[in-house]
């Protein structure tokens, strides 16, 4: 026996984690639609600040449900988020997840235009009408380019998940998205990341699976 170590069956680890999480949150209350998202992000990061950092527009969850049920697909700016999203659950509704960061045409054009591949990925995604949800977990440049594309009427997402992490233009890019009339889920401030982005998508998919 290992002193101080609780023996838990593999299948019970997640349930136990959420029990501990709920105990630490205590009497904090969230809306029925927002709670699974907030708790899934905290579970993924072990960072309870997300209880106050996650900003979900009123129509975000319902809009995501409708888009996914209609067979809509997602695009993300990182392979890490791509790997973390539950593609099997999404495929039940006919959608898939795209990430264009490693595409040769993206790399070549980004170099020629001296812009980031992440921003160019948003342009490429905007040409696919079946991509309804934009999941930005790393690059503020992707979020800024998406803002421009939405403002120009090129694309009208069902949901923007904007959770880039870092220091340069991170806060500013998130504030830009909040000014648009599109459903959004963002993290206030500098925190976020690909794992947070994937956790938000998975929380939405899990909620849909319980319907």
C-alpha atoms as a PDB file:
ATOM      1  CA  UNK A   1       0.000   0.000   0.000  1.00  0.00           C
ATOM      2  CA  UNK A   2       1.134   3.527  -0.798  1.00  0.00           C
ATOM      3  CA  UNK A   3       0.545   5.836   2.139  1.00  0.00           C
ATOM      4  CA  UNK A   4      -1.912   8.618   1.356  1.00  0.00           C
ATOM      5  CA  UNK A   5      -2.826   7.232  -2.071  1.00  0.00           C
ATOM      6  CA  UNK A   6      -6.478   6.423  -2.704  1.00  0.00           C
ATOM      7  CA  UNK A   7      -6.968   3.335  -4.863  1.00  0.00           C
ATOM      8  CA  UNK A   8      -9.569   4.091  -7.535  1.00  0.00           C
ATOM      9  CA  UNK A   9     -10.640   1.895 -10.438  1.00  0.00           C
ATOM     10  CA  UNK A  10      -9.675   3.354 -13.839  1.00  0.00           C
ATOM     11  CA  UNK A  11     -13.298   3.726 -14.868  1.00  0.00           C
ATOM     12  CA  UNK A  12     -14.086   5.745 -11.748  1.00  0.00           C
ATOM     13  CA  UNK A  13     -11.258   8.279 -11.922  1.00  0.00           C
ATOM     14  CA  UNK A  14     -13.147  10.884 -13.942  1.00  0.00           C
ATOM     15  CA  UNK A  15     -16.256  10.615 -11.775  1.00  0.00           C
ATOM     16  CA  UNK A  16     -14.126  11.013  -8.648  1.00  0.00           C
ATOM     17  CA  UNK A  17     -12.371  14.006 -10.175  1.00  0.00           C
ATOM     18  CA  UNK A  18     -15.663  15.754 -10.807  1.00  0.00           C
ATOM     19  CA  UNK A  19     -16.784  15.010  -7.257  1.00  0.00           C
ATOM     20  CA  UNK A  20     -13.651  16.691  -5.902  1.00  0.00           C
ATOM     21  CA  UNK A  21     -14.106  19.555  -8.336  1.00  0.00           C
ATOM     22  CA  UNK A  22     -17.717  20.112  -7.230  1.00  0.00           C
ATOM     23  CA  UNK A  23     -16.650  20.083  -3.597  1.00  0.00           C
ATOM     24  CA  UNK A  24     -14.047  22.768  -4.188  1.00  0.00           C
ATOM     25  CA  UNK A  25     -16.525  24.931  -6.108  1.00  0.00           C
ATOM     26  CA  UNK A  26     -18.874  24.626  -3.169  1.00  0.00           C
ATOM     27  CA  UNK A  27     -22.016  26.716  -3.526  1.00  0.00           C
ATOM     28  CA  UNK A  28     -21.037  28.311  -6.823  1.00  0.00           C
ATOM     29  CA  UNK A  29     -23.969  28.154  -9.210  1.00  0.00           C
ATOM     30  CA  UNK A  30     -23.917  28.275 -12.993  1.00  0.00           C
ATOM     31  CA  UNK A  31     -26.642  28.068 -15.595  1.00  0.00           C
ATOM     32  CA  UNK A  32     -27.664  24.583 -16.731  1.00  0.00           C
ATOM     33  CA  UNK A  33     -26.133  25.103 -20.178  1.00  0.00           C
ATOM     34  CA  UNK A  34     -22.916  26.707 -18.982  1.00  0.00           C
ATOM     35  CA  UNK A  35     -22.055  24.470 -16.021  1.00  0.00           C
ATOM     36  CA  UNK A  36     -20.847  21.438 -18.046  1.00  0.00           C
ATOM     37  CA  UNK A  37     -18.534  23.668 -20.088  1.00  0.00           C
ATOM     38  CA  UNK A  38     -17.042  25.443 -17.089  1.00  0.00           C
ATOM     39  CA  UNK A  39     -16.549  22.226 -15.145  1.00  0.00           C
ATOM     40  CA  UNK A  40     -15.032  20.384 -18.120  1.00  0.00           C
ATOM     41  CA  UNK A  41     -12.469  23.162 -18.586  1.00  0.00           C
ATOM     42  CA  UNK A  42     -11.598  23.161 -14.877  1.00  0.00           C
ATOM     43  CA  UNK A  43     -11.319  19.375 -14.963  1.00  0.00           C
ATOM     44  CA  UNK A  44      -8.940  19.629 -17.925  1.00  0.00           C
ATOM     45  CA  UNK A  45      -6.738  22.345 -16.448  1.00  0.00           C
ATOM     46  CA  UNK A  46      -7.176  21.981 -12.649  1.00  0.00           C
ATOM     47  CA  UNK A  47      -7.445  25.769 -12.721  1.00  0.00           C
ATOM     48  CA  UNK A  48     -10.455  27.094 -10.801  1.00  0.00           C
ATOM     49  CA  UNK A  49      -9.964  30.616 -12.131  1.00  0.00           C
ATOM     50  CA  UNK A  50     -11.830  29.460 -15.219  1.00  0.00           C
ATOM     51  CA  UNK A  51     -15.025  29.578 -13.175  1.00  0.00           C
ATOM     52  CA  UNK A  52     -14.764  33.353 -13.568  1.00  0.00           C
ATOM     53  CA  UNK A  53     -12.902  33.591 -16.872  1.00  0.00           C
ATOM     54  CA  UNK A  54     -15.198  31.727 -19.237  1.00  0.00           C
ATOM     55  CA  UNK A  55     -17.578  34.077 -21.039  1.00  0.00           C
ATOM     56  CA  UNK A  56     -20.430  32.411 -22.930  1.00  0.00           C
ATOM     57  CA  UNK A  57     -22.856  34.442 -25.023  1.00  0.00           C
ATOM     58  CA  UNK A  58     -26.541  33.780 -24.431  1.00  0.00           C
ATOM     59  CA  UNK A  59     -27.115  31.915 -27.697  1.00  0.00           C
ATOM     60  CA  UNK A  60     -23.797  30.072 -27.915  1.00  0.00           C
ATOM     61  CA  UNK A  61     -24.759  26.599 -26.730  1.00  0.00           C
ATOM     62  CA  UNK A  62     -28.050  26.400 -28.605  1.00  0.00           C
ATOM     63  CA  UNK A  63     -26.404  27.658 -31.789  1.00  0.00           C
ATOM     64  CA  UNK A  64     -23.660  25.029 -31.462  1.00  0.00           C
ATOM     65  CA  UNK A  65     -26.236  22.276 -30.911  1.00  0.00           C
ATOM     66  CA  UNK A  66     -28.154  23.296 -34.031  1.00  0.00           C
ATOM     67  CA  UNK A  67     -25.038  23.515 -36.165  1.00  0.00           C
ATOM     68  CA  UNK A  68     -23.717  20.126 -35.096  1.00  0.00           C
ATOM     69  CA  UNK A  69     -27.100  18.434 -35.412  1.00  0.00           C
ATOM     70  CA  UNK A  70     -27.240  19.808 -38.941  1.00  0.00           C
ATOM     71  CA  UNK A  71     -24.011  18.038 -39.826  1.00  0.00           C
ATOM     72  CA  UNK A  72     -21.816  21.091 -39.425  1.00  0.00           C
ATOM     73  CA  UNK A  73     -18.065  20.710 -39.139  1.00  0.00           C
ATOM     74  CA  UNK A  74     -15.399  22.460 -37.065  1.00  0.00           C
ATOM     75  CA  UNK A  75     -12.036  24.014 -37.806  1.00  0.00           C
ATOM     76  CA  UNK A  76      -9.263  24.556 -35.291  1.00  0.00           C
ATOM     77  CA  UNK A  77      -5.953  26.369 -35.387  1.00  0.00           C
ATOM     78  CA  UNK A  78      -3.894  23.646 -33.693  1.00  0.00           C
ATOM     79  CA  UNK A  79      -3.194  19.963 -34.136  1.00  0.00           C
ATOM     80  CA  UNK A  80      -3.346  19.621 -30.352  1.00  0.00           C
ATOM     81  CA  UNK A  81      -6.968  20.749 -30.281  1.00  0.00           C
ATOM     82  CA  UNK A  82      -7.656  18.546 -33.289  1.00  0.00           C
ATOM     83  CA  UNK A  83      -6.272  15.564 -31.383  1.00  0.00           C
ATOM     84  CA  UNK A  84      -8.206  16.399 -28.220  1.00  0.00           C
ATOM     85  CA  UNK A  85     -11.670  16.848 -29.730  1.00  0.00           C
ATOM     86  CA  UNK A  86     -13.876  13.756 -29.583  1.00  0.00           C
ATOM     87  CA  UNK A  87     -14.216  13.187 -33.314  1.00  0.00           C
ATOM     88  CA  UNK A  88     -16.210   9.985 -32.855  1.00  0.00           C
ATOM     89  CA  UNK A  89     -18.982  11.831 -31.034  1.00  0.00           C
ATOM     90  CA  UNK A  90     -18.987  14.581 -33.652  1.00  0.00           C
ATOM     91  CA  UNK A  91     -19.143  12.060 -36.489  1.00  0.00           C
ATOM     92  CA  UNK A  92     -22.449  10.737 -35.112  1.00  0.00           C
ATOM     93  CA  UNK A  93     -24.011  13.928 -36.449  1.00  0.00           C
ATOM     94  CA  UNK A  94     -22.124  13.895 -39.758  1.00  0.00           C
ATOM     95  CA  UNK A  95     -19.492  16.523 -38.931  1.00  0.00           C
ATOM     96  CA  UNK A  96     -15.723  16.432 -38.816  1.00  0.00           C
ATOM     97  CA  UNK A  97     -12.836  18.528 -37.510  1.00  0.00           C
ATOM     98  CA  UNK A  98     -10.392  20.283 -39.812  1.00  0.00           C
ATOM     99  CA  UNK A  99      -6.962  21.752 -39.150  1.00  0.00           C
ATOM    100  CA  UNK A 100      -5.122  23.241 -42.112  1.00  0.00           C
ATOM    101  CA  UNK A 101      -1.918  24.250 -40.347  1.00  0.00           C
ATOM    102  CA  UNK A 102       0.227  21.597 -42.043  1.00  0.00           C
ATOM    103  CA  UNK A 103      -1.263  21.974 -45.520  1.00  0.00           C
ATOM    104  CA  UNK A 104       1.437  22.733 -48.084  1.00  0.00           C
ATOM    105  CA  UNK A 105      -0.634  25.389 -49.848  1.00  0.00           C
ATOM    106  CA  UNK A 106      -1.197  27.193 -46.543  1.00  0.00           C
ATOM    107  CA  UNK A 107       2.496  27.154 -45.669  1.00  0.00           C
ATOM    108  CA  UNK A 108       3.518  28.402 -49.112  1.00  0.00           C
ATOM    109  CA  UNK A 109       0.969  31.228 -49.314  1.00  0.00           C
ATOM    110  CA  UNK A 110       1.575  32.338 -45.731  1.00  0.00           C
ATOM    111  CA  UNK A 111       5.284  32.654 -46.492  1.00  0.00           C
ATOM    112  CA  UNK A 112       4.634  34.522 -49.734  1.00  0.00           C
ATOM    113  CA  UNK A 113       2.269  36.995 -48.054  1.00  0.00           C
ATOM    114  CA  UNK A 114       4.332  37.208 -44.842  1.00  0.00           C
ATOM    115  CA  UNK A 115       1.376  36.344 -42.611  1.00  0.00           C
ATOM    116  CA  UNK A 116       0.843  33.581 -40.091  1.00  0.00           C
ATOM    117  CA  UNK A 117      -0.382  30.195 -41.208  1.00  0.00           C
ATOM    118  CA  UNK A 118      -3.064  30.401 -38.532  1.00  0.00           C
ATOM    119  CA  UNK A 119      -4.624  33.490 -40.092  1.00  0.00           C
ATOM    120  CA  UNK A 120      -4.502  31.949 -43.547  1.00  0.00           C
ATOM    121  CA  UNK A 121      -6.208  28.828 -42.173  1.00  0.00           C
ATOM    122  CA  UNK A 122      -9.223  30.991 -41.338  1.00  0.00           C
ATOM    123  CA  UNK A 123      -9.358  32.156 -44.942  1.00  0.00           C
ATOM    124  CA  UNK A 124      -9.232  28.570 -46.174  1.00  0.00           C
ATOM    125  CA  UNK A 125     -11.914  27.508 -43.703  1.00  0.00           C
ATOM    126  CA  UNK A 126     -14.202  30.348 -44.811  1.00  0.00           C
ATOM    127  CA  UNK A 127     -14.380  28.755 -48.268  1.00  0.00           C
ATOM    128  CA  UNK A 128     -15.946  25.589 -46.836  1.00  0.00           C
ATOM    129  CA  UNK A 129     -19.620  26.335 -46.140  1.00  0.00           C
ATOM    130  CA  UNK A 130     -19.997  23.208 -44.009  1.00  0.00           C
ATOM    131  CA  UNK A 131     -17.533  24.552 -41.417  1.00  0.00           C
ATOM    132  CA  UNK A 132     -19.861  26.167 -38.893  1.00  0.00           C
ATOM    133  CA  UNK A 133     -17.780  26.324 -35.704  1.00  0.00           C
ATOM    134  CA  UNK A 134     -14.377  28.013 -35.434  1.00  0.00           C
ATOM    135  CA  UNK A 135     -12.212  26.775 -32.563  1.00  0.00           C
ATOM    136  CA  UNK A 136      -9.212  29.008 -31.825  1.00  0.00           C
ATOM    137  CA  UNK A 137      -7.028  27.720 -29.000  1.00  0.00           C
ATOM    138  CA  UNK A 138      -3.637  29.226 -29.687  1.00  0.00           C
ATOM    139  CA  UNK A 139      -3.215  31.984 -32.266  1.00  0.00           C
ATOM    140  CA  UNK A 140      -4.600  35.499 -31.774  1.00  0.00           C
ATOM    141  CA  UNK A 141      -3.802  36.125 -35.448  1.00  0.00           C
ATOM    142  CA  UNK A 142      -6.392  33.482 -36.363  1.00  0.00           C
ATOM    143  CA  UNK A 143      -8.994  35.181 -34.186  1.00  0.00           C
ATOM    144  CA  UNK A 144      -8.176  38.609 -35.647  1.00  0.00           C
ATOM    145  CA  UNK A 145      -8.448  37.320 -39.236  1.00  0.00           C
ATOM    146  CA  UNK A 146     -11.711  35.587 -38.369  1.00  0.00           C
ATOM    147  CA  UNK A 147     -13.020  38.878 -36.984  1.00  0.00           C
ATOM    148  CA  UNK A 148     -12.204  40.530 -40.298  1.00  0.00           C
ATOM    149  CA  UNK A 149     -13.858  37.780 -42.329  1.00  0.00           C
ATOM    150  CA  UNK A 150     -17.012  38.000 -40.218  1.00  0.00           C
ATOM    151  CA  UNK A 151     -17.062  41.796 -40.424  1.00  0.00           C
ATOM    152  CA  UNK A 152     -16.715  41.617 -44.210  1.00  0.00           C
ATOM    153  CA  UNK A 153     -19.636  39.183 -44.449  1.00  0.00           C
ATOM    154  CA  UNK A 154     -17.454  36.427 -45.844  1.00  0.00           C
ATOM    155  CA  UNK A 155     -18.370  33.950 -43.111  1.00  0.00           C
ATOM    156  CA  UNK A 156     -21.150  33.710 -40.526  1.00  0.00           C
ATOM    157  CA  UNK A 157     -20.140  31.131 -37.883  1.00  0.00           C
ATOM    158  CA  UNK A 158     -22.651  29.354 -35.697  1.00  0.00           C
ATOM    159  CA  UNK A 159     -20.099  29.615 -32.890  1.00  0.00           C
ATOM    160  CA  UNK A 160     -16.670  31.095 -32.296  1.00  0.00           C
ATOM    161  CA  UNK A 161     -14.637  29.489 -29.544  1.00  0.00           C
ATOM    162  CA  UNK A 162     -11.893  32.034 -28.939  1.00  0.00           C
ATOM    163  CA  UNK A 163      -9.477  30.964 -26.232  1.00  0.00           C
ATOM    164  CA  UNK A 164      -5.959  31.816 -27.434  1.00  0.00           C
ATOM    165  CA  UNK A 165      -3.285  31.945 -24.757  1.00  0.00           C
ATOM    166  CA  UNK A 166      -0.322  34.257 -24.402  1.00  0.00           C
ATOM    167  CA  UNK A 167       0.678  37.892 -24.371  1.00  0.00           C
ATOM    168  CA  UNK A 168       0.651  39.532 -27.821  1.00  0.00           C
ATOM    169  CA  UNK A 169      -2.835  40.598 -28.973  1.00  0.00           C
ATOM    170  CA  UNK A 170      -4.478  37.856 -26.917  1.00  0.00           C
ATOM    171  CA  UNK A 171      -6.812  40.051 -24.876  1.00  0.00           C
ATOM    172  CA  UNK A 172      -7.441  42.415 -27.780  1.00  0.00           C
ATOM    173  CA  UNK A 173      -8.448  39.633 -30.181  1.00  0.00           C
ATOM    174  CA  UNK A 174     -10.983  38.252 -27.712  1.00  0.00           C
ATOM    175  CA  UNK A 175     -12.482  41.696 -27.156  1.00  0.00           C
ATOM    176  CA  UNK A 176     -12.896  42.063 -30.922  1.00  0.00           C
ATOM    177  CA  UNK A 177     -15.003  38.917 -31.120  1.00  0.00           C
ATOM    178  CA  UNK A 178     -17.277  40.154 -28.325  1.00  0.00           C
ATOM    179  CA  UNK A 179     -18.173  43.171 -30.471  1.00  0.00           C
ATOM    180  CA  UNK A 180     -19.610  40.985 -33.221  1.00  0.00           C
ATOM    181  CA  UNK A 181     -23.154  39.657 -33.418  1.00  0.00           C
ATOM    182  CA  UNK A 182     -22.034  36.037 -33.429  1.00  0.00           C
ATOM    183  CA  UNK A 183     -22.365  33.389 -30.710  1.00  0.00           C
ATOM    184  CA  UNK A 184     -19.104  33.013 -28.833  1.00  0.00           C
ATOM    185  CA  UNK A 185     -17.333  31.265 -25.990  1.00  0.00           C
ATOM    186  CA  UNK A 186     -14.156  33.037 -24.922  1.00  0.00           C
ATOM    187  CA  UNK A 187     -11.826  33.150 -21.954  1.00  0.00           C
ATOM    188  CA  UNK A 188     -11.244  36.575 -20.524  1.00  0.00           C
ATOM    189  CA  UNK A 189      -7.645  37.678 -20.167  1.00  0.00           C
ATOM    190  CA  UNK A 190      -4.499  35.851 -21.215  1.00  0.00           C
ATOM    191  CA  UNK A 191      -5.452  32.303 -20.258  1.00  0.00           C
ATOM    192  CA  UNK A 192      -6.669  29.636 -22.646  1.00  0.00           C
ATOM    193  CA  UNK A 193      -5.000  27.111 -24.894  1.00  0.00           C
ATOM    194  CA  UNK A 194      -5.642  24.168 -27.168  1.00  0.00           C
ATOM    195  CA  UNK A 195      -6.616  21.920 -24.264  1.00  0.00           C
ATOM    196  CA  UNK A 196      -9.212  24.469 -23.168  1.00  0.00           C
ATOM    197  CA  UNK A 197     -10.565  24.735 -26.709  1.00  0.00           C
ATOM    198  CA  UNK A 198     -10.920  20.962 -27.003  1.00  0.00           C
ATOM    199  CA  UNK A 199     -12.530  20.728 -23.572  1.00  0.00           C
ATOM    200  CA  UNK A 200     -15.200  23.252 -24.557  1.00  0.00           C
ATOM    201  CA  UNK A 201     -16.054  21.338 -27.731  1.00  0.00           C
ATOM    202  CA  UNK A 202     -16.168  18.041 -25.869  1.00  0.00           C
ATOM    203  CA  UNK A 203     -18.435  19.493 -23.186  1.00  0.00           C
ATOM    204  CA  UNK A 204     -20.874  20.564 -25.893  1.00  0.00           C
ATOM    205  CA  UNK A 205     -20.763  17.127 -27.480  1.00  0.00           C
ATOM    206  CA  UNK A 206     -21.285  15.389 -24.127  1.00  0.00           C
ATOM    207  CA  UNK A 207     -24.311  17.581 -23.437  1.00  0.00           C
ATOM    208  CA  UNK A 208     -25.771  16.657 -26.791  1.00  0.00           C
ATOM    209  CA  UNK A 209     -25.208  12.978 -26.066  1.00  0.00           C
ATOM    210  CA  UNK A 210     -27.372  13.256 -22.963  1.00  0.00           C
ATOM    211  CA  UNK A 211     -30.324  14.771 -24.822  1.00  0.00           C
END
